[in-house]
Every structure is written in C-alpha cells, then in structure tokens.
Amino acid sequence: MQQFISLTIFIFGASIGSFLNVLIDRLPKDESINGRSHCDYCKKKIAWFDMFPVLSFFILGGRTRCCHKKLSWQYPIVEIITGLLFVLISNFEFLISKQISIFQQPIANFIYFGLISCLIVIFVTDFKYHLISDYVLLALFIFSVFYHLTTIYNHLQLFLTVFIPSGLIVAFLIWLIYFISKEKAMGLGDVYLSAIIGFLLGWQAGFLALYIGFVTGATFGLLLIILKNKKLKSKIAFGPFLVIGTIVMLFWGEKIVEMIKKIYGF
C-alpha cells in the first residue's frame, strides 16, 4: 500500500515538474504560461499523448515528434527530481519533529510541495539564464508565510520580531557583496532570494544555508576551472547553490543546528 501511495505521489510530482519546465522556459522570456505546449523549434502544438511526464521523453527517444530535433535532458531530470522530492516530503520525519498533527499533514505537504517547486524553478532558471523571476520569488515568499502559519502561534508578533528581521540580517551579507562588487559577484535576485531564505529558516539556519551555498558554489567553480570549462573571471550563477543550502536546511536544519551547538557548546 505504501509503495502504491509513493508511486502515486511520484507521478503527481513528475506532473508538477512538467509544469515547472513550462515556467522555466517561458518566464525568463516573458512568455505567457497559458496555452498548449509547443515545440521549441517548429512551434507546432504538442499532442497530448506526447506530454506524459518522463515517459514521453524516452518513448520519443529524446527527440521531438514533429521535427525530430533533440530534446533537452532538462525536461525528464526536472520531472524526476520533483517527483522524488515530493515522495521524500510525504515520508519525511520532519512532520513529527514540527509536531504537525495528522489533520495538518496534507496542508503541510502542500506547503512543502510549493516551497520545493519554487526552489526548483529558481535553481534551473538561474543556472540556465542567470535570471530569477520576481513571480517565483513572490510565490516562494507566500509559501514561506504559509509555512510559518502551520508551525507557530502568535504569528504577527513573531513575523515582526523574528522572521522579518532574520530575512533582513541574512540578506544584508549578500547585499553587501552585491554592492561592493557592483553586481559582478551577486545579482539583485540573489539579495531578494537570501532575504526570503532568512525569513523562511530564521537567521541561524539562514546563515548556514548561505554557508552551504558558498561551499558548494566554490567547489563547483574550482571543478570547472580544473576541467578548463571556466576562467577565473567567468560568472557563475549563485542562486542554484543558495537553493541547495536552503533545501538542506529545510529538511535537516534542526539536526544540523543541534549538532553545531553540541560541538561548540552553545
């Protein structure tokens, strides 16, 4: 039974991933997200039987049916990752650690699905286009508000005294880099994203998310330089690494913070 439920959630997540691919391809180009999907090459509308998540890509051999052009691996990868993360969310123990009741679980799942979906879109669009959509940032902030509404009481007081200040504190570091480098090292989208991360996670977990982002970003950059794919002056999008840090802290943040406190004795 559990396997059937997980498979159903995976299919649902992969279907959402298919929609996320639409957002990833259209939002940076200011295209409408309404209307039928079409071929990127010949612009013909894609038939319904060619739009099954993951399966259609492999059935078609990674090529379009209409003009036989190669399809990007972005499509199945985003669909598979979204499906897997949705399954992870549905089976994850953080629902217990946050003392969410069985009646709140569907709502909590929906909110986590929304957070993860926004973060996936930000990851791919910034990696691919060096652009973070304001619409996706707004959606991420709204889901972050709902996230806190399901786990805390005295919402207004905590928003004003904890979460909003946390967002400003975490964003200040990224804004400082943005300001000093004159937008060469960080973009304004990174500043907004870090503010939402601080609001969502709190300043402690928010800074740890930034730290993970810096470490993974530096590691990735060094690998590219070693492989001679990038020069030292080449620009690497930082948003995807912020997303990695955020997801790590969103899932395992409480355990990581507790471990650090035990190590350093505070």
C-alpha atoms as a PDB file:
ATOM      1  CA  MET A   1       0.000   0.000   0.000  1.00  0.00           C
ATOM      2  CA  GLN A   2       2.796   2.412   0.937  1.00  0.00           C
ATOM      3  CA  GLN A   3       4.569   1.679  -2.344  1.00  0.00           C
ATOM      4  CA  PHE A   4       1.384   2.442  -4.305  1.00  0.00           C
ATOM      5  CA  ILE A   5       0.963   5.742  -2.411  1.00  0.00           C
ATOM      6  CA  SER A   6       4.607   6.671  -3.052  1.00  0.00           C
ATOM      7  CA  LEU A   7       4.218   5.845  -6.762  1.00  0.00           C
ATOM      8  CA  THR A   8       1.066   7.978  -6.955  1.00  0.00           C
ATOM      9  CA  ILE A   9       2.843  10.894  -5.262  1.00  0.00           C
ATOM     10  CA  PHE A  10       5.824  10.464  -7.604  1.00  0.00           C
ATOM     11  CA  ILE A  11       3.546  10.629 -10.667  1.00  0.00           C
ATOM     12  CA  PHE A  12       1.856  13.718  -9.223  1.00  0.00           C
ATOM     13  CA  GLY A  13       5.247  15.310  -8.533  1.00  0.00           C
ATOM     14  CA  ALA A  14       6.533  14.472 -12.017  1.00  0.00           C
ATOM     15  CA  SER A  15       3.395  16.090 -13.477  1.00  0.00           C
ATOM     16  CA  ILE A  16       4.095  19.219 -11.424  1.00  0.00           C
ATOM     17  CA  GLY A  17       7.685  19.007 -12.677  1.00  0.00           C
ATOM     18  CA  SER A  18       6.355  19.105 -16.234  1.00  0.00           C
ATOM     19  CA  PHE A  19       4.573  22.372 -15.401  1.00  0.00           C
ATOM     20  CA  LEU A  20       7.738  23.687 -13.736  1.00  0.00           C
ATOM     21  CA  ASN A  21       9.541  23.114 -17.049  1.00  0.00           C
ATOM     22  CA  VAL A  22       6.972  25.394 -18.686  1.00  0.00           C
ATOM     23  CA  LEU A  23       7.714  28.098 -16.086  1.00  0.00           C
ATOM     24  CA  ILE A  24      11.474  27.602 -16.507  1.00  0.00           C
ATOM     25  CA  ASP A  25      11.296  28.029 -20.287  1.00  0.00           C
ATOM     26  CA  ARG A  26       8.706  30.801 -20.503  1.00  0.00           C
ATOM     27  CA  LEU A  27       9.131  33.150 -17.535  1.00  0.00           C
ATOM     28  CA  PRO A  28      12.690  34.302 -18.431  1.00  0.00           C
ATOM     29  CA  LYS A  29      11.447  35.086 -21.956  1.00  0.00           C
ATOM     30  CA  ASP A  30       8.366  36.958 -20.697  1.00  0.00           C
ATOM     31  CA  GLU A  31       6.133  34.449 -22.492  1.00  0.00           C
ATOM     32  CA  SER A  32       2.628  33.627 -21.289  1.00  0.00           C
ATOM     33  CA  ILE A  33       2.311  30.388 -19.335  1.00  0.00           C
ATOM     34  CA  ASN A  34      -1.209  29.903 -20.708  1.00  0.00           C
ATOM     35  CA  GLY A  35      -1.994  27.813 -23.726  1.00  0.00           C
ATOM     36  CA  ARG A  36      -0.842  24.455 -25.040  1.00  0.00           C
ATOM     37  CA  SER A  37       2.797  23.419 -25.007  1.00  0.00           C
ATOM     38  CA  HIS A  38       4.532  23.767 -28.340  1.00  0.00           C
ATOM     39  CA  CYS A  39       7.738  22.618 -29.981  1.00  0.00           C
ATOM     40  CA  ASP A  40      10.623  24.999 -29.293  1.00  0.00           C
ATOM     41  CA  TYR A  41      11.872  24.553 -32.869  1.00  0.00           C
ATOM     42  CA  CYS A  42       8.918  24.457 -35.298  1.00  0.00           C
ATOM     43  CA  LYS A  43       6.344  25.895 -32.854  1.00  0.00           C
ATOM     44  CA  LYS A  44       3.787  23.160 -33.581  1.00  0.00           C
ATOM     45  CA  LYS A  45       1.485  22.243 -30.693  1.00  0.00           C
ATOM     46  CA  ILE A  46       2.496  19.088 -28.843  1.00  0.00           C
ATOM     47  CA  ALA A  47      -0.086  16.296 -28.865  1.00  0.00           C
ATOM     48  CA  TRP A  48      -1.496  15.178 -25.504  1.00  0.00           C
ATOM     49  CA  PHE A  49      -0.009  11.691 -25.877  1.00  0.00           C
ATOM     50  CA  ASP A  50       3.483  13.218 -26.096  1.00  0.00           C
ATOM     51  CA  MET A  51       3.173  15.064 -22.781  1.00  0.00           C
ATOM     52  CA  PHE A  52       3.357  12.223 -20.266  1.00  0.00           C
ATOM     53  CA  PRO A  53       5.991  13.166 -17.664  1.00  0.00           C
ATOM     54  CA  VAL A  54       9.306  11.308 -18.044  1.00  0.00           C
ATOM     55  CA  LEU A  55       7.847   8.517 -20.220  1.00  0.00           C
ATOM     56  CA  SER A  56       7.259  10.621 -23.339  1.00  0.00           C
ATOM     57  CA  PHE A  57      10.899  11.754 -23.435  1.00  0.00           C
ATOM     58  CA  PHE A  58      12.176   8.168 -23.554  1.00  0.00           C
ATOM     59  CA  ILE A  59       9.397   6.866 -25.823  1.00  0.00           C
ATOM     60  CA  LEU A  60      10.308   9.574 -28.349  1.00  0.00           C
ATOM     61  CA  GLY A  61      13.998   8.774 -27.987  1.00  0.00           C
ATOM     62  CA  GLY A  62      14.789  12.257 -26.696  1.00  0.00           C
ATOM     63  CA  ARG A  63      13.603  13.909 -29.926  1.00  0.00           C
ATOM     64  CA  THR A  64      10.542  15.894 -30.978  1.00  0.00           C
ATOM     65  CA  ARG A  65       7.913  14.006 -32.946  1.00  0.00           C
ATOM     66  CA  CYS A  66       7.180  16.880 -35.336  1.00  0.00           C
ATOM     67  CA  CYS A  67      10.687  17.859 -36.499  1.00  0.00           C
ATOM     68  CA  HIS A  68      12.946  15.215 -34.890  1.00  0.00           C
ATOM     69  CA  LYS A  69      15.129  17.759 -33.084  1.00  0.00           C
ATOM     70  CA  LYS A  70      16.911  16.795 -29.873  1.00  0.00           C
ATOM     71  CA  LEU A  71      15.041  17.487 -26.642  1.00  0.00           C
ATOM     72  CA  SER A  72      16.865  18.858 -23.612  1.00  0.00           C
ATOM     73  CA  TRP A  73      17.571  16.465 -20.738  1.00  0.00           C
ATOM     74  CA  GLN A  74      16.285  19.269 -18.523  1.00  0.00           C
ATOM     75  CA  TYR A  75      12.726  18.009 -19.014  1.00  0.00           C
ATOM     76  CA  PRO A  76      12.977  14.462 -17.609  1.00  0.00           C
ATOM     77  CA  ILE A  77      15.549  15.480 -14.974  1.00  0.00           C
ATOM     78  CA  VAL A  78      13.295  18.210 -13.529  1.00  0.00           C
ATOM     79  CA  GLU A  79      10.286  15.867 -13.615  1.00  0.00           C
ATOM     80  CA  ILE A  80      12.155  13.009 -11.912  1.00  0.00           C
ATOM     81  CA  ILE A  81      13.727  15.246  -9.236  1.00  0.00           C
ATOM     82  CA  THR A  82      10.382  16.904  -8.483  1.00  0.00           C
ATOM     83  CA  GLY A  83       8.695  13.516  -8.169  1.00  0.00           C
ATOM     84  CA  LEU A  84      11.411  12.149  -5.880  1.00  0.00           C
ATOM     85  CA  LEU A  85      11.378  15.225  -3.648  1.00  0.00           C
ATOM     86  CA  PHE A  86       7.593  15.050  -3.352  1.00  0.00           C
ATOM     87  CA  VAL A  87       7.890  11.418  -2.237  1.00  0.00           C
ATOM     88  CA  LEU A  88      10.607  12.407   0.254  1.00  0.00           C
ATOM     89  CA  ILE A  89       8.414  15.173   1.663  1.00  0.00           C
ATOM     90  CA  SER A  90       5.446  12.816   2.067  1.00  0.00           C
ATOM     91  CA  ASN A  91       7.522  10.277   4.008  1.00  0.00           C
ATOM     92  CA  PHE A  92       9.841  12.590   5.918  1.00  0.00           C
ATOM     93  CA  GLU A  93      10.059  12.678   9.701  1.00  0.00           C
ATOM     94  CA  PHE A  94      10.188  16.484   9.931  1.00  0.00           C
ATOM     95  CA  LEU A  95       6.401  16.437  10.169  1.00  0.00           C
ATOM     96  CA  ILE A  96       6.810  14.688  13.520  1.00  0.00           C
ATOM     97  CA  SER A  97       9.640  16.971  14.679  1.00  0.00           C
ATOM     98  CA  LYS A  98       7.499  20.033  13.990  1.00  0.00           C
ATOM     99  CA  GLN A  99       4.598  18.468  15.921  1.00  0.00           C
ATOM    100  CA  ILE A 100       2.247  18.611  12.950  1.00  0.00           C
ATOM    101  CA  SER A 101      -0.945  16.660  13.568  1.00  0.00           C
ATOM    102  CA  ILE A 102      -2.330  14.096  11.156  1.00  0.00           C
ATOM    103  CA  PHE A 103      -5.028  16.614  10.213  1.00  0.00           C
ATOM    104  CA  GLN A 104      -2.413  19.255   9.336  1.00  0.00           C
ATOM    105  CA  GLN A 105      -0.230  16.857   7.343  1.00  0.00           C
ATOM    106  CA  PRO A 106      -1.959  17.322   3.943  1.00  0.00           C
ATOM    107  CA  ILE A 107      -1.692  21.107   4.341  1.00  0.00           C
ATOM    108  CA  ALA A 108       1.946  20.843   5.428  1.00  0.00           C
ATOM    109  CA  ASN A 109       2.708  18.603   2.443  1.00  0.00           C
ATOM    110  CA  PHE A 110       1.082  21.096   0.081  1.00  0.00           C
ATOM    111  CA  ILE A 111       3.184  23.936   1.513  1.00  0.00           C
ATOM    112  CA  TYR A 112       6.406  21.940   1.233  1.00  0.00           C
ATOM    113  CA  PHE A 113       5.460  20.967  -2.328  1.00  0.00           C
ATOM    114  CA  GLY A 114       5.068  24.672  -3.101  1.00  0.00           C
ATOM    115  CA  LEU A 115       8.382  25.624  -1.496  1.00  0.00           C
ATOM    116  CA  ILE A 116      10.278  22.884  -3.323  1.00  0.00           C
ATOM    117  CA  SER A 117       8.617  23.721  -6.654  1.00  0.00           C
ATOM    118  CA  CYS A 118       9.643  27.372  -6.368  1.00  0.00           C
ATOM    119  CA  LEU A 119      13.200  26.420  -5.420  1.00  0.00           C
ATOM    120  CA  ILE A 120      13.494  24.051  -8.405  1.00  0.00           C
ATOM    121  CA  VAL A 121      12.377  26.779 -10.809  1.00  0.00           C
ATOM    122  CA  ILE A 122      14.849  29.244  -9.263  1.00  0.00           C
ATOM    123  CA  PHE A 123      17.658  26.669  -9.462  1.00  0.00           C
ATOM    124  CA  VAL A 124      17.195  25.921 -13.159  1.00  0.00           C
ATOM    125  CA  THR A 125      16.347  29.423 -14.419  1.00  0.00           C
ATOM    126  CA  ASP A 126      19.314  30.996 -12.652  1.00  0.00           C
ATOM    127  CA  PHE A 127      21.633  28.203 -13.787  1.00  0.00           C
ATOM    128  CA  LYS A 128      20.354  28.354 -17.359  1.00  0.00           C
ATOM    129  CA  TYR A 129      19.571  32.046 -17.868  1.00  0.00           C
ATOM    130  CA  HIS A 130      21.256  33.795 -14.890  1.00  0.00           C
ATOM    131  CA  LEU A 131      17.825  35.140 -14.016  1.00  0.00           C
ATOM    132  CA  ILE A 132      15.470  34.698 -11.056  1.00  0.00           C
ATOM    133  CA  SER A 133      11.837  35.538 -11.797  1.00  0.00           C
ATOM    134  CA  ASP A 134      10.138  38.030  -9.481  1.00  0.00           C
ATOM    135  CA  TYR A 135       6.926  35.997  -9.796  1.00  0.00           C
ATOM    136  CA  VAL A 136       8.645  32.874  -8.466  1.00  0.00           C
ATOM    137  CA  LEU A 137      10.266  34.853  -5.636  1.00  0.00           C
ATOM    138  CA  LEU A 138       6.828  36.200  -4.688  1.00  0.00           C
ATOM    139  CA  ALA A 139       5.380  32.676  -4.736  1.00  0.00           C
ATOM    140  CA  LEU A 140       8.277  31.437  -2.582  1.00  0.00           C
ATOM    141  CA  PHE A 141       7.618  34.212  -0.054  1.00  0.00           C
ATOM    142  CA  ILE A 142       3.886  33.413   0.073  1.00  0.00           C
ATOM    143  CA  PHE A 143       4.574  29.718   0.678  1.00  0.00           C
ATOM    144  CA  SER A 144       7.087  30.754   3.366  1.00  0.00           C
ATOM    145  CA  VAL A 145       4.350  32.729   5.136  1.00  0.00           C
ATOM    146  CA  PHE A 146       2.031  29.717   4.998  1.00  0.00           C
ATOM    147  CA  TYR A 147       4.895  27.532   6.246  1.00  0.00           C
ATOM    148  CA  HIS A 148       5.142  29.613   9.418  1.00  0.00           C
ATOM    149  CA  LEU A 149       1.374  29.762   9.850  1.00  0.00           C
ATOM    150  CA  THR A 150       1.248  25.966  10.169  1.00  0.00           C
ATOM    151  CA  THR A 151       4.026  25.705  12.748  1.00  0.00           C
ATOM    152  CA  ILE A 152       3.833  28.758  15.034  1.00  0.00           C
ATOM    153  CA  TYR A 153       1.400  30.741  17.144  1.00  0.00           C
ATOM    154  CA  ASN A 154       1.283  34.499  17.752  1.00  0.00           C
ATOM    155  CA  HIS A 155       2.105  34.842  14.056  1.00  0.00           C
ATOM    156  CA  LEU A 156       2.105  38.630  13.779  1.00  0.00           C
ATOM    157  CA  GLN A 157       4.404  39.131  16.758  1.00  0.00           C
ATOM    158  CA  LEU A 158       6.892  36.527  15.509  1.00  0.00           C
ATOM    159  CA  PHE A 159       6.745  37.898  11.955  1.00  0.00           C
ATOM    160  CA  LEU A 160       7.687  41.348  13.236  1.00  0.00           C
ATOM    161  CA  THR A 161      10.237  40.341  15.864  1.00  0.00           C
ATOM    162  CA  VAL A 162      11.851  37.185  14.435  1.00  0.00           C
ATOM    163  CA  PHE A 163      11.249  36.265  10.820  1.00  0.00           C
ATOM    164  CA  ILE A 164      11.312  39.667   9.079  1.00  0.00           C
ATOM    165  CA  PRO A 165      14.480  40.749  10.977  1.00  0.00           C
ATOM    166  CA  SER A 166      16.031  37.348  10.138  1.00  0.00           C
ATOM    167  CA  GLY A 167      15.353  37.971   6.452  1.00  0.00           C
ATOM    168  CA  LEU A 168      16.985  41.397   6.593  1.00  0.00           C
ATOM    169  CA  ILE A 169      20.010  40.100   8.538  1.00  0.00           C
ATOM    170  CA  VAL A 170      20.666  37.219   6.143  1.00  0.00           C
ATOM    171  CA  ALA A 171      20.088  39.396   3.069  1.00  0.00           C
ATOM    172  CA  PHE A 172      22.499  42.072   4.323  1.00  0.00           C
ATOM    173  CA  LEU A 173      25.562  39.895   3.696  1.00  0.00           C
ATOM    174  CA  ILE A 174      24.530  39.160   0.102  1.00  0.00           C
ATOM    175  CA  TRP A 175      23.551  42.808  -0.452  1.00  0.00           C
ATOM    176  CA  LEU A 176      26.996  43.864   0.805  1.00  0.00           C
ATOM    177  CA  ILE A 177      28.695  41.588  -1.746  1.00  0.00           C
ATOM    178  CA  TYR A 178      26.267  42.842  -4.409  1.00  0.00           C
ATOM    179  CA  PHE A 179      27.030  46.476  -3.532  1.00  0.00           C
ATOM    180  CA  ILE A 180      30.815  46.166  -3.232  1.00  0.00           C
ATOM    181  CA  SER A 181      31.184  44.106  -6.418  1.00  0.00           C
ATOM    182  CA  LYS A 182      28.800  46.407  -8.298  1.00  0.00           C
ATOM    183  CA  GLU A 183      26.595  43.431  -9.248  1.00  0.00           C
ATOM    184  CA  LYS A 184      29.510  41.428 -10.666  1.00  0.00           C
ATOM    185  CA  ALA A 185      29.622  38.802  -7.895  1.00  0.00           C
ATOM    186  CA  MET A 186      25.930  38.776  -6.902  1.00  0.00           C
ATOM    187  CA  GLY A 187      22.727  39.868  -8.589  1.00  0.00           C
ATOM    188  CA  LEU A 188      19.763  41.644  -7.056  1.00  0.00           C
ATOM    189  CA  GLY A 189      17.789  38.413  -7.403  1.00  0.00           C
ATOM    190  CA  ASP A 190      20.278  36.751  -5.041  1.00  0.00           C
ATOM    191  CA  VAL A 191      19.643  39.511  -2.480  1.00  0.00           C
ATOM    192  CA  TYR A 192      15.869  39.001  -2.643  1.00  0.00           C
ATOM    193  CA  LEU A 193      16.281  35.219  -2.510  1.00  0.00           C
ATOM    194  CA  SER A 194      18.538  35.390   0.557  1.00  0.00           C
ATOM    195  CA  ALA A 195      16.007  37.659   2.294  1.00  0.00           C
ATOM    196  CA  ILE A 196      13.275  35.078   1.753  1.00  0.00           C
ATOM    197  CA  ILE A 197      15.625  32.308   2.908  1.00  0.00           C
ATOM    198  CA  GLY A 198      16.262  34.188   6.155  1.00  0.00           C
ATOM    199  CA  PHE A 199      12.529  34.779   6.598  1.00  0.00           C
ATOM    200  CA  LEU A 200      11.786  31.104   5.953  1.00  0.00           C
ATOM    201  CA  LEU A 201      14.544  29.479   8.000  1.00  0.00           C
ATOM    202  CA  GLY A 202      15.457  32.094  10.608  1.00  0.00           C
ATOM    203  CA  TRP A 203      18.838  33.818  10.822  1.00  0.00           C
ATOM    204  CA  GLN A 204      20.808  30.855  12.207  1.00  0.00           C
ATOM    205  CA  ALA A 205      19.654  28.294   9.655  1.00  0.00           C
ATOM    206  CA  GLY A 206      19.637  31.038   7.029  1.00  0.00           C
ATOM    207  CA  PHE A 207      23.331  31.767   7.516  1.00  0.00           C
ATOM    208  CA  LEU A 208      24.076  28.038   7.434  1.00  0.00           C
ATOM    209  CA  ALA A 209      22.174  27.834   4.133  1.00  0.00           C
ATOM    210  CA  LEU A 210      24.385  30.648   2.811  1.00  0.00           C
ATOM    211  CA  TYR A 211      27.481  28.842   4.079  1.00  0.00           C
ATOM    212  CA  ILE A 212      26.464  25.625   2.322  1.00  0.00           C
ATOM    213  CA  GLY A 213      25.777  27.679  -0.793  1.00  0.00           C
ATOM    214  CA  PHE A 214      29.211  29.324  -0.696  1.00  0.00           C
ATOM    215  CA  VAL A 215      30.999  25.999  -0.126  1.00  0.00           C
ATOM    216  CA  THR A 216      29.142  24.130  -2.877  1.00  0.00           C
ATOM    217  CA  GLY A 217      29.474  27.095  -5.235  1.00  0.00           C
ATOM    218  CA  ALA A 218      33.234  27.397  -4.632  1.00  0.00           C
ATOM    219  CA  THR A 219      33.679  23.648  -5.074  1.00  0.00           C
ATOM    220  CA  PHE A 220      31.721  23.689  -8.324  1.00  0.00           C
ATOM    221  CA  GLY A 221      33.699  26.688  -9.586  1.00  0.00           C
ATOM    222  CA  LEU A 222      37.033  25.049  -8.798  1.00  0.00           C
ATOM    223  CA  LEU A 223      35.970  21.871 -10.594  1.00  0.00           C
ATOM    224  CA  LEU A 224      35.057  23.874 -13.686  1.00  0.00           C
ATOM    225  CA  ILE A 225      38.412  25.673 -13.601  1.00  0.00           C
ATOM    226  CA  ILE A 226      40.276  22.369 -13.176  1.00  0.00           C
ATOM    227  CA  LEU A 227      38.327  20.942 -16.110  1.00  0.00           C
ATOM    228  CA  LYS A 228      39.117  24.171 -18.012  1.00  0.00           C
ATOM    229  CA  ASN A 229      35.461  24.917 -18.659  1.00  0.00           C
ATOM    230  CA  LYS A 230      35.580  28.291 -16.906  1.00  0.00           C
ATOM    231  CA  LYS A 231      38.082  31.066 -16.348  1.00  0.00           C
ATOM    232  CA  LEU A 232      38.562  32.858 -13.032  1.00  0.00           C
ATOM    233  CA  LYS A 233      36.649  35.891 -14.313  1.00  0.00           C
ATOM    234  CA  SER A 234      33.725  33.837 -15.653  1.00  0.00           C
ATOM    235  CA  LYS A 235      30.369  34.469 -13.999  1.00  0.00           C
ATOM    236  CA  ILE A 236      28.731  31.540 -12.201  1.00  0.00           C
ATOM    237  CA  ALA A 237      25.132  31.830 -11.031  1.00  0.00           C
ATOM    238  CA  PHE A 238      24.939  31.723  -7.221  1.00  0.00           C
ATOM    239  CA  GLY A 239      21.178  31.108  -6.968  1.00  0.00           C
ATOM    240  CA  PRO A 240      21.395  27.328  -7.562  1.00  0.00           C
ATOM    241  CA  PHE A 241      23.816  26.956  -4.641  1.00  0.00           C
ATOM    242  CA  LEU A 242      21.583  29.054  -2.393  1.00  0.00           C
ATOM    243  CA  VAL A 243      18.783  26.664  -3.334  1.00  0.00           C
ATOM    244  CA  ILE A 244      20.924  23.650  -2.374  1.00  0.00           C
ATOM    245  CA  GLY A 245      21.708  25.208   1.008  1.00  0.00           C
ATOM    246  CA  THR A 246      18.051  26.063   1.556  1.00  0.00           C
ATOM    247  CA  ILE A 247      16.813  22.552   0.766  1.00  0.00           C
ATOM    248  CA  VAL A 248      19.444  21.008   3.072  1.00  0.00           C
ATOM    249  CA  MET A 249      18.448  23.297   5.933  1.00  0.00           C
ATOM    250  CA  LEU A 250      14.733  22.942   5.228  1.00  0.00           C
ATOM    251  CA  PHE A 251      14.929  19.165   5.576  1.00  0.00           C
ATOM    252  CA  TRP A 252      17.735  18.689   8.087  1.00  0.00           C
ATOM    253  CA  GLY A 253      18.225  22.182   9.553  1.00  0.00           C
ATOM    254  CA  GLU A 254      17.152  21.408  13.120  1.00  0.00           C
ATOM    255  CA  LYS A 255      19.527  18.439  13.364  1.00  0.00           C
ATOM    256  CA  ILE A 256      22.414  20.409  11.851  1.00  0.00           C
ATOM    257  CA  VAL A 257      21.903  23.356  14.230  1.00  0.00           C
ATOM    258  CA  GLU A 258      21.702  20.996  17.242  1.00  0.00           C
ATOM    259  CA  MET A 259      24.881  19.221  16.123  1.00  0.00           C
ATOM    260  CA  ILE A 260      26.766  22.522  15.780  1.00  0.00           C
ATOM    261  CA  LYS A 261      25.578  23.644  19.220  1.00  0.00           C
ATOM    262  CA  LYS A 262      26.837  20.390  20.768  1.00  0.00           C
ATOM    263  CA  ILE A 263      30.202  20.674  19.009  1.00  0.00           C
ATOM    264  CA  TYR A 264      30.817  24.284  20.055  1.00  0.00           C
ATOM    265  CA  GLY A 265      28.976  24.091  23.374  1.00  0.00           C
ATOM    266  CA  PHE A 266      26.426  26.876  22.960  1.00  0.00           C
END
